[in-house]
N, C-alpha and C. Protein backbone atom coordinates (compact mmCIF):
# COMPACT_ATOMS: atom_id res chain seq x y z
N TYR A 1 5.30 -3.46 -19.10
CA TYR A 1 3.72 -4.91 -18.56
C TYR A 1 3.48 -5.24 -18.92
N SER A 2 2.67 -3.76 -20.17
CA SER A 2 2.24 -4.31 -21.58
C SER A 2 2.05 -5.17 -22.38
N GLY A 3 4.19 -5.80 -22.66
CA GLY A 3 4.50 -6.74 -23.17
C GLY A 3 4.78 -7.50 -22.79
N ARG A 4 4.60 -7.91 -21.64
CA ARG A 4 4.75 -9.35 -20.62
C ARG A 4 2.98 -9.85 -20.56
N LEU A 5 2.00 -9.19 -20.36
CA LEU A 5 0.52 -9.36 -20.70
C LEU A 5 0.10 -9.98 -21.63
N ARG A 6 0.43 -9.36 -22.83
CA ARG A 6 0.67 -10.27 -24.62
C ARG A 6 0.82 -10.85 -24.54
N LEU A 7 1.96 -11.02 -24.35
CA LEU A 7 3.11 -12.45 -24.52
C LEU A 7 2.49 -13.51 -23.23
N ASN A 8 2.08 -13.62 -21.93
CA ASN A 8 2.14 -14.15 -20.85
C ASN A 8 1.06 -14.35 -20.90
N GLY A 9 -0.01 -13.31 -20.70
CA GLY A 9 -1.15 -13.16 -19.64
C GLY A 9 -0.92 -12.45 -18.37
N GLU A 10 -2.13 -12.36 -18.15
CA GLU A 10 -2.17 -12.09 -16.79
C GLU A 10 -1.91 -12.64 -15.34
N GLU A 11 -1.70 -13.57 -15.42
CA GLU A 11 -1.69 -14.78 -14.51
C GLU A 11 -0.60 -15.23 -14.13
N HIS A 12 0.89 -15.11 -15.14
CA HIS A 12 1.93 -15.77 -15.35
C HIS A 12 2.37 -14.60 -14.57
N GLN A 13 3.22 -15.08 -13.23
CA GLN A 13 4.32 -14.32 -12.70
C GLN A 13 4.92 -13.52 -13.11
N SER A 14 5.94 -13.74 -14.24
CA SER A 14 6.29 -12.72 -15.05
C SER A 14 5.53 -11.45 -14.58
N THR A 15 4.53 -11.55 -14.97
CA THR A 15 3.58 -10.40 -15.88
C THR A 15 3.84 -10.31 -14.20
N LEU A 16 3.08 -10.67 -13.24
CA LEU A 16 2.98 -9.82 -12.51
C LEU A 16 3.84 -9.37 -11.81
N ARG A 17 5.38 -9.62 -11.93
CA ARG A 17 6.18 -9.12 -11.02
C ARG A 17 6.27 -7.41 -11.83
N ALA A 18 6.11 -7.63 -13.08
CA ALA A 18 6.51 -6.99 -14.50
C ALA A 18 4.94 -5.38 -13.75
N ALA A 19 4.03 -5.78 -13.10
CA ALA A 19 2.98 -5.25 -12.57
C ALA A 19 3.83 -4.34 -11.70
N LEU A 20 4.17 -5.68 -10.01
CA LEU A 20 4.97 -4.73 -8.91
C LEU A 20 5.77 -3.58 -9.42
N ASN A 21 6.82 -3.56 -10.44
CA ASN A 21 8.18 -2.90 -10.72
C ASN A 21 7.54 -1.72 -11.69
N TYR A 22 6.33 -1.65 -12.09
CA TYR A 22 5.84 -0.49 -12.96
C TYR A 22 4.91 0.11 -11.94
N ALA A 23 4.37 0.21 -10.68
CA ALA A 23 3.58 0.54 -10.27
C ALA A 23 4.95 0.63 -9.14
N ILE A 24 5.96 0.50 -8.82
CA ILE A 24 7.05 0.60 -7.95
C ILE A 24 7.29 2.10 -8.35
N LEU A 25 7.45 2.10 -9.98
CA LEU A 25 8.10 3.03 -10.82
C LEU A 25 7.30 4.76 -10.99
N LEU A 26 6.02 4.22 -10.75
CA LEU A 26 5.03 5.34 -10.96
C LEU A 26 4.92 5.97 -9.35
N ALA A 27 4.95 4.78 -8.91
CA ALA A 27 4.93 5.12 -7.28
C ALA A 27 6.21 6.34 -7.29
N THR A 28 7.36 6.11 -7.53
CA THR A 28 8.20 6.33 -6.73
C THR A 28 8.25 8.03 -7.62
N LEU A 29 7.72 7.61 -8.69
CA LEU A 29 7.64 9.94 -9.37
C LEU A 29 6.51 10.71 -9.61
N LYS A 30 5.50 9.69 -8.06
CA LYS A 30 4.60 10.26 -7.19
C LYS A 30 3.19 10.50 -8.51
N ARG A 31 3.43 9.21 -8.76
CA ARG A 31 1.58 8.89 -9.63
C ARG A 31 0.78 7.92 -9.29
N PHE A 32 0.28 8.63 -8.06
CA PHE A 32 -0.02 7.42 -7.19
C PHE A 32 -1.09 7.22 -7.58
N LYS A 33 -2.44 7.73 -8.89
CA LYS A 33 -4.01 7.55 -9.17
C LYS A 33 -3.78 6.17 -10.23
N GLU A 34 -2.05 6.66 -11.13
CA GLU A 34 -1.46 5.31 -12.27
C GLU A 34 -1.31 3.89 -10.93
N ALA A 35 -0.43 4.32 -10.65
CA ALA A 35 -0.02 3.08 -9.31
C ALA A 35 -0.77 1.85 -8.86
N LYS A 36 -2.70 3.30 -8.45
CA LYS A 36 -3.23 1.80 -7.60
C LYS A 36 -4.31 1.74 -8.80
N SER A 37 -3.87 2.43 -9.49
CA SER A 37 -5.32 1.62 -11.24
C SER A 37 -4.27 0.17 -11.69
N LEU A 38 -3.45 0.14 -11.63
CA LEU A 38 -2.51 -0.73 -12.12
C LEU A 38 -2.59 -2.13 -10.52
N LEU A 39 -2.52 -1.52 -9.39
CA LEU A 39 -2.32 -2.73 -8.30
C LEU A 39 -4.02 -2.93 -8.19
N ARG A 40 -4.63 -2.29 -8.11
CA ARG A 40 -6.18 -2.65 -7.79
C ARG A 40 -6.73 -3.82 -8.27
N PRO A 41 -6.84 -3.71 -9.85
CA PRO A 41 -6.86 -5.96 -10.55
C PRO A 41 -5.49 -6.45 -10.31
N ALA A 42 -4.94 -6.41 -10.32
CA ALA A 42 -3.30 -7.40 -10.30
C ALA A 42 -3.42 -7.38 -9.13
N ILE A 43 -3.73 -6.93 -7.51
CA ILE A 43 -3.35 -7.99 -6.74
C ILE A 43 -4.56 -9.59 -7.09
N PRO A 44 -5.16 -8.66 -6.59
CA PRO A 44 -6.26 -10.46 -6.63
C PRO A 44 -6.27 -11.93 -8.40
N VAL A 45 -4.93 -11.05 -8.69
CA VAL A 45 -4.90 -11.81 -10.28
C VAL A 45 -3.88 -12.44 -8.64
N ALA A 46 -3.17 -11.91 -8.56
CA ALA A 46 -1.44 -12.46 -7.41
C ALA A 46 -2.04 -13.21 -5.96
N ARG A 47 -3.44 -13.01 -5.50
CA ARG A 47 -3.46 -13.98 -4.08
C ARG A 47 -4.09 -15.25 -5.21
N ARG A 48 -4.57 -15.62 -6.10
CA ARG A 48 -5.10 -16.65 -6.06
C ARG A 48 -4.55 -17.08 -7.17
N VAL A 49 -3.26 -16.82 -8.24
CA VAL A 49 -2.60 -17.35 -8.58
C VAL A 49 -1.00 -17.81 -8.54
N LEU A 50 -1.06 -16.71 -6.48
CA LEU A 50 0.52 -17.35 -6.29
C LEU A 50 0.05 -16.98 -5.09
N GLY A 51 -0.91 -16.69 -3.88
CA GLY A 51 -0.70 -17.56 -2.76
C GLY A 51 -0.96 -15.89 -1.93
N GLU A 52 -1.66 -15.35 -0.67
CA GLU A 52 -1.82 -14.78 -0.32
C GLU A 52 -0.29 -14.37 0.31
N SER A 53 0.34 -15.69 0.90
CA SER A 53 1.35 -15.51 1.42
C SER A 53 2.93 -15.26 0.47
N HIS A 54 2.69 -15.18 -0.48
CA HIS A 54 3.53 -15.49 -1.77
C HIS A 54 4.40 -13.95 -2.04
N ASP A 55 6.42 -13.67 -1.84
CA ASP A 55 6.01 -12.80 -1.17
C ASP A 55 5.74 -11.35 -2.82
N LEU A 56 5.48 -11.73 -3.83
CA LEU A 56 4.93 -10.99 -5.12
C LEU A 56 3.75 -10.46 -4.42
N THR A 57 2.88 -11.37 -4.05
CA THR A 57 2.39 -10.87 -3.28
C THR A 57 1.64 -9.34 -2.15
N LEU A 58 2.17 -10.38 -1.12
CA LEU A 58 2.96 -9.19 -0.53
C LEU A 58 3.36 -7.30 -0.87
N SER A 59 4.23 -8.04 -1.78
CA SER A 59 4.87 -6.37 -2.28
C SER A 59 3.42 -5.96 -2.32
N MET A 60 3.44 -6.38 -3.64
CA MET A 60 1.89 -5.46 -4.59
C MET A 60 1.24 -5.13 -3.81
N ARG A 61 0.63 -5.78 -2.46
CA ARG A 61 0.02 -4.70 -1.04
C ARG A 61 1.34 -3.44 -0.98
N SER A 62 1.92 -4.46 -0.26
CA SER A 62 2.46 -3.34 0.52
C SER A 62 2.61 -2.44 -0.45
N ILE A 63 3.23 -2.33 -1.74
CA ILE A 63 2.68 -0.62 -2.70
C ILE A 63 1.66 -0.17 -2.55
N HIS A 64 -0.21 -0.79 -3.47
CA HIS A 64 -0.33 -0.68 -2.75
C HIS A 64 -1.28 0.75 -2.16
N ALA A 65 -0.79 -0.35 -0.87
CA ALA A 65 -1.25 0.26 0.51
C ALA A 65 0.22 2.16 0.74
N SER A 66 1.51 2.03 0.36
CA SER A 66 2.28 2.95 0.11
C SER A 66 1.70 4.18 -0.49
N THR A 67 0.82 4.15 -1.78
CA THR A 67 0.65 4.95 -3.26
C THR A 67 -1.22 4.89 -2.35
N LEU A 68 -1.92 4.42 -0.95
CA LEU A 68 -2.64 5.48 -0.33
C LEU A 68 -2.34 6.59 0.72
N TYR A 69 -0.91 6.28 1.89
CA TYR A 69 -0.66 7.35 2.57
C TYR A 69 0.20 7.69 1.89
N LEU A 70 0.94 8.05 0.92
CA LEU A 70 1.99 8.52 0.26
C LEU A 70 1.15 9.95 -0.64
N ASP A 71 -0.24 9.69 -1.19
CA ASP A 71 -0.50 10.58 -2.01
C ASP A 71 -1.07 11.98 -1.06
N PRO A 72 -0.96 12.87 -1.20
CA PRO A 72 -1.69 14.38 -0.11
C PRO A 72 -2.26 14.26 -0.53
N GLY A 73 -3.54 13.88 -1.48
CA GLY A 73 -5.05 13.35 -1.43
C GLY A 73 -5.55 12.61 -1.27
N ALA A 74 -4.96 12.10 0.06
CA ALA A 74 -5.14 10.45 0.53
C ALA A 74 -6.65 10.85 1.54
N THR A 75 -7.09 10.30 1.51
CA THR A 75 -8.95 10.54 2.12
C THR A 75 -8.32 9.81 3.71
N LEU A 76 -8.75 10.39 5.27
CA LEU A 76 -8.63 9.04 6.25
C LEU A 76 -8.72 7.54 5.82
N ASP A 77 -9.68 7.62 5.12
CA ASP A 77 -10.31 6.45 4.89
C ASP A 77 -9.47 5.55 3.97
N ASP A 78 -8.49 6.17 3.11
CA ASP A 78 -7.58 6.03 2.21
C ASP A 78 -6.43 5.27 3.72
N LEU A 79 -5.81 6.38 4.60
CA LEU A 79 -5.28 6.28 5.55
C LEU A 79 -4.91 5.19 6.56
N ARG A 80 -6.31 4.80 6.52
CA ARG A 80 -6.90 4.13 7.40
C ARG A 80 -6.70 2.53 6.98
N GLU A 81 -7.44 2.36 5.51
CA GLU A 81 -7.06 1.00 4.35
C GLU A 81 -5.74 0.73 4.27
N ALA A 82 -4.98 1.48 4.35
CA ALA A 82 -2.98 1.19 4.08
C ALA A 82 -2.55 0.74 5.25
N VAL A 83 -2.50 1.67 7.05
CA VAL A 83 -2.50 0.81 7.95
C VAL A 83 -2.72 -0.96 7.61
N MET A 84 -4.21 -0.76 7.73
CA MET A 84 -5.10 -2.39 8.13
C MET A 84 -3.90 -2.56 6.99
N THR A 85 -4.47 -2.71 5.93
CA THR A 85 -3.28 -3.79 5.27
C THR A 85 -1.74 -3.47 4.93
N LEU A 86 -1.44 -2.79 5.75
CA LEU A 86 0.76 -2.69 6.52
C LEU A 86 0.42 -3.87 7.09
N GLU A 87 -0.36 -4.03 8.38
CA GLU A 87 -0.71 -4.48 9.49
C GLU A 87 -0.07 -6.44 9.23
N ASN A 88 -1.62 -6.44 8.49
CA ASN A 88 -1.71 -7.84 7.45
C ASN A 88 -0.33 -7.96 6.65
N VAL A 89 0.55 -7.13 6.10
CA VAL A 89 0.96 -7.88 4.87
C VAL A 89 2.71 -8.19 6.39
N ALA A 90 2.31 -7.15 6.88
CA ALA A 90 3.66 -7.06 8.05
C ALA A 90 3.28 -8.77 8.82
N LEU A 91 1.86 -8.95 9.49
CA LEU A 91 2.18 -9.96 10.50
C LEU A 91 2.29 -11.72 9.25
N ILE A 92 1.54 -11.57 7.88
CA ILE A 92 2.40 -12.23 7.41
C ILE A 92 3.55 -12.62 6.92
N THR A 93 3.90 -11.36 6.42
CA THR A 93 5.39 -12.01 6.67
C THR A 93 6.26 -11.89 7.68
N ARG A 94 6.28 -11.74 8.85
CA ARG A 94 7.56 -12.40 10.27
C ARG A 94 7.01 -13.99 10.06
N ARG A 95 5.12 -14.25 9.78
CA ARG A 95 4.88 -15.71 10.79
C ARG A 95 5.26 -16.45 9.63
N VAL A 96 5.63 -16.33 7.27
CA VAL A 96 6.35 -16.99 6.70
C VAL A 96 7.56 -16.70 6.78
N LEU A 97 8.42 -15.52 6.50
CA LEU A 97 9.68 -14.89 5.94
C LEU A 97 10.66 -15.05 7.88
N GLY A 98 10.09 -14.68 9.15
CA GLY A 98 10.26 -14.60 9.91
C GLY A 98 10.27 -12.66 10.00
N GLY A 99 10.74 -12.01 11.02
CA GLY A 99 11.01 -10.84 11.65
C GLY A 99 12.36 -10.23 10.86
N ALA A 100 13.28 -11.00 11.17
CA ALA A 100 14.38 -10.81 10.42
C ALA A 100 14.46 -10.22 8.80
N HIS A 101 13.60 -11.34 8.30
CA HIS A 101 13.50 -10.72 6.04
C HIS A 101 13.69 -8.98 6.06
N PRO A 102 14.34 -9.40 4.58
CA PRO A 102 14.53 -8.34 4.50
C PRO A 102 13.19 -7.15 3.65
N LEU A 103 12.56 -8.25 4.09
CA LEU A 103 11.06 -7.65 3.86
C LEU A 103 10.03 -7.35 4.62
N ALA A 104 10.10 -8.34 5.37
CA ALA A 104 9.34 -7.75 7.06
C ALA A 104 9.82 -6.15 7.25
N VAL A 105 10.86 -5.83 7.38
CA VAL A 105 12.09 -4.65 7.92
C VAL A 105 11.37 -4.24 7.64
N GLY A 106 11.43 -4.27 5.99
CA GLY A 106 11.62 -2.74 4.81
C GLY A 106 8.94 -3.00 5.34
N PHE A 107 8.54 -4.08 5.58
CA PHE A 107 7.04 -3.73 6.14
C PHE A 107 6.55 -3.19 6.67
N GLU A 108 7.94 -3.71 7.57
CA GLU A 108 7.66 -2.14 9.61
C GLU A 108 8.14 -0.70 9.04
N GLY A 109 8.75 -1.38 8.53
CA GLY A 109 8.87 0.27 8.44
C GLY A 109 7.44 1.30 7.52
N SER A 110 6.60 0.26 6.21
CA SER A 110 6.22 1.32 5.54
C SER A 110 4.62 1.32 6.56
N LEU A 111 4.78 0.34 7.89
CA LEU A 111 3.50 0.60 8.64
C LEU A 111 3.57 1.61 9.22
N ARG A 112 4.87 0.91 10.47
CA ARG A 112 5.30 2.34 10.79
C ARG A 112 5.06 4.67 10.64
N ASN A 113 5.14 4.94 8.86
CA ASN A 113 4.94 5.65 8.07
C ASN A 113 4.02 5.27 8.19
N ALA A 114 3.10 4.58 7.67
CA ALA A 114 1.16 4.95 7.03
C ALA A 114 0.70 5.40 9.21
N ARG A 115 1.19 4.71 10.06
CA ARG A 115 0.90 4.84 11.34
C ARG A 115 0.95 6.25 11.39
N ALA A 116 1.91 7.14 11.15
CA ALA A 116 2.17 8.11 12.14
C ALA A 116 1.66 9.50 10.45
N ALA A 117 1.75 8.61 9.34
CA ALA A 117 0.45 9.53 8.53
C ALA A 117 -0.57 9.79 9.02
N LEU A 118 -1.51 9.02 9.43
CA LEU A 118 -2.64 8.24 9.63
C LEU A 118 -2.93 9.52 11.25
N ALA A 119 -2.22 8.87 12.31
CA ALA A 119 -2.05 10.26 13.39
C ALA A 119 -2.07 11.48 13.19
N ALA A 120 -1.02 12.36 12.02
CA ALA A 120 -0.96 13.71 12.18
C ALA A 120 -2.13 14.15 10.84
N ARG A 121 -2.83 13.29 10.52
CA ARG A 121 -3.86 13.42 9.86
C ARG A 121 -4.97 13.61 11.06
N GLU A 122 -5.12 12.47 11.61
CA GLU A 122 -6.23 12.72 12.92
C GLU A 122 -6.34 13.74 14.11
N GLY A 123 -4.86 14.00 14.06
CA GLY A 123 -4.78 14.84 15.10
C GLY A 123 -5.12 16.58 14.25
N ASP A 124 -5.20 16.27 12.58
CA ASP A 124 -5.10 17.62 11.73
C ASP A 124 -6.34 17.80 12.26
N ASP A 125 -7.49 16.95 12.06
CA ASP A 125 -8.86 16.97 12.22
C ASP A 125 -8.95 17.11 13.81
N VAL A 126 -8.89 17.09 14.74
CA VAL A 126 -8.85 16.97 16.24
C VAL A 126 -8.48 18.70 16.08
N SER A 127 -7.69 18.73 15.64
CA SER A 127 -7.94 20.61 15.58
C SER A 127 -8.56 20.91 15.08
N ALA A 128 -8.50 20.75 14.31
CA ALA A 128 -9.24 21.68 13.12
C ALA A 128 -10.90 21.75 13.70
N LEU A 129 -11.36 20.32 14.50
CA LEU A 129 -12.49 20.56 15.21
C LEU A 129 -12.18 21.04 16.07
N CYS A 130 -11.25 21.36 17.06
CA CYS A 130 -11.35 22.20 18.38
C CYS A 130 -11.84 23.68 17.49
N ASP A 131 -10.78 23.76 16.88
CA ASP A 131 -10.95 25.98 16.14
C ASP A 131 -12.25 26.03 15.83
N ALA A 132 -13.15 24.70 15.01
CA ALA A 132 -14.80 25.31 15.14
C ALA A 132 -15.16 25.17 16.87
N VAL A 133 -14.96 24.86 17.40
CA VAL A 133 -15.69 24.95 19.33
C VAL A 133 -15.48 26.17 19.15
N ASP A 134 -13.91 25.81 18.86
CA ASP A 134 -13.10 27.34 20.04
C ASP A 134 -13.88 29.27 18.77
N ALA A 135 -14.30 29.10 18.01
CA ALA A 135 -14.65 29.80 16.89
C ALA A 135 -16.20 30.27 17.19
N LEU A 136 -17.40 28.75 17.98
CA LEU A 136 -18.64 28.88 18.13
C LEU A 136 -18.65 29.77 19.37
N ASN A 137 -17.96 29.28 19.99
CA ASN A 137 -18.11 30.32 21.62
C ASN A 137 -17.49 31.21 21.94
N THR A 138 -16.60 32.01 20.89
CA THR A 138 -16.10 33.68 21.20
C THR A 138 -17.34 34.32 19.93
């Protein structure tokens, strides 16, 4: 990625593709913090240069959302942001590419996983609150 960045600059499509590929590798290695720090500045560049509905922009946003909900240290706000981002990405992808497109199918799967992670965490919070109330009542 750094070679592409030096050679082509941050706004070149091949640099953005290299950033996405590197972020996917980092996420696969469970180095979520590094993947997020790579994608945070790259996504606005992709949006500006390629547009909101370009497949590369959508993929970058999807991977960023995945790093949010897959991170074991994710907060409720992280999980909510992941779900909101993936809802938007899935909607745009269905509109632009169609619901049967492989990207749309993959983004829908990520959205289901993010929603499940959020529901599980919210359930944990409700359980913890119920346990605290029970402890106060005994």
